[in-house]
Amino acid sequence: MIAGHTLQRQPCAAACPPEASIGVVPPRQPHLKAEFALWSAGKRLVVGVDEVGAGPLCGPVVAAAVLVKPHTRKIKGVRDSKTLSAAQRERVVELIKERALAWGIGAASVAEIERINIRNAAALAMRRALRRLPPYDHVLIDGQKIDGIEEHIGPYTSIVKGDASSYAIACASVLAKVTRDRLMTNLAVRYPGYGWEHNAGYATRDHVAGLQQHGVSPHHRRTYRRIRGILEGDQLAFELSGEPTDELSGEPTDEPGMEEDETTMQAEASANEGPAATLG
């Protein structure tokens, strides 16, 4: 009851936008709160960082770092890459690169994922992406705090689900996703039959069917339980269940070898390619 009036609930179809329909939660829109707090504290050069590719059965893990302009205005349509279609990501990725002060791509190879585990490899890819930027003041990273990374990248703030809340991280999320999808599309030409051009290496039905028909490729992660099971002849590995990963002990190497440099260069080349229209 407000000022003698009773508020009547209106039918959603008439009063609400389509995305507000019952049972449908609209995607979160990233904001600039963390960025403005840093800008107000005199830290003008703020970088958003995110990685893509921890879950797939194959291929490298790829990270992107985006140095946004101080007091930038948001690009319409930029949000967590997981909530965007391939076409939506391709529409905004070039604008992200054009409007950023700088951006960088880093990657960690399958060999590194197997040697140091996926978490350390993801952190290594982030470090490599940041190395490709000019000097900056502060980094915003998606996810939990990463032990020991500050000595390599400088001051940073970790934000859980940062790709959904921080605009700078969301920009990095889109760039990393588009880059890795393009790279997996290129690999699919060399290794057909797994559907990488549209599943990006995740454990989809066609990918698992490809593994059953063609076996394990050089780009599959042999420390992942499903791939190890296939190599050991376990038929249950072909079931479409969740994909737990086994993590090895180890720390990221400080200096990348030739193979690791090549992986990052391949990822950078993918970031500069045209749209990968077949990915969904």
Foldseek 3Di string as FASTA:
>chain_A
DPPPDDDDDDPCVVVHDPQPPPPHDDAFAADAPVVVVCVVVVFQWEKEKEWDDQAFQFWKIKMKIFGAGGVDDFDPLQFQQVNDALVSLQVCLVVSCVRTPHMFMFIAALVVCLVANSVQRNLVRRLRRLVPDDDGREYEYEDDDDPPSCVRRNHYHYDHSNRHYHRNNSSRNSLNVQLLLLLQLVVCVVVPQQPCNAPVRHLDLSNLVSCVVPNDDPGGRCQWPLNVCVVVVNPCSSDSDGTDGDGDHDHDDPDDDPVSVVSRVSSVVSSPDHRSVSYD
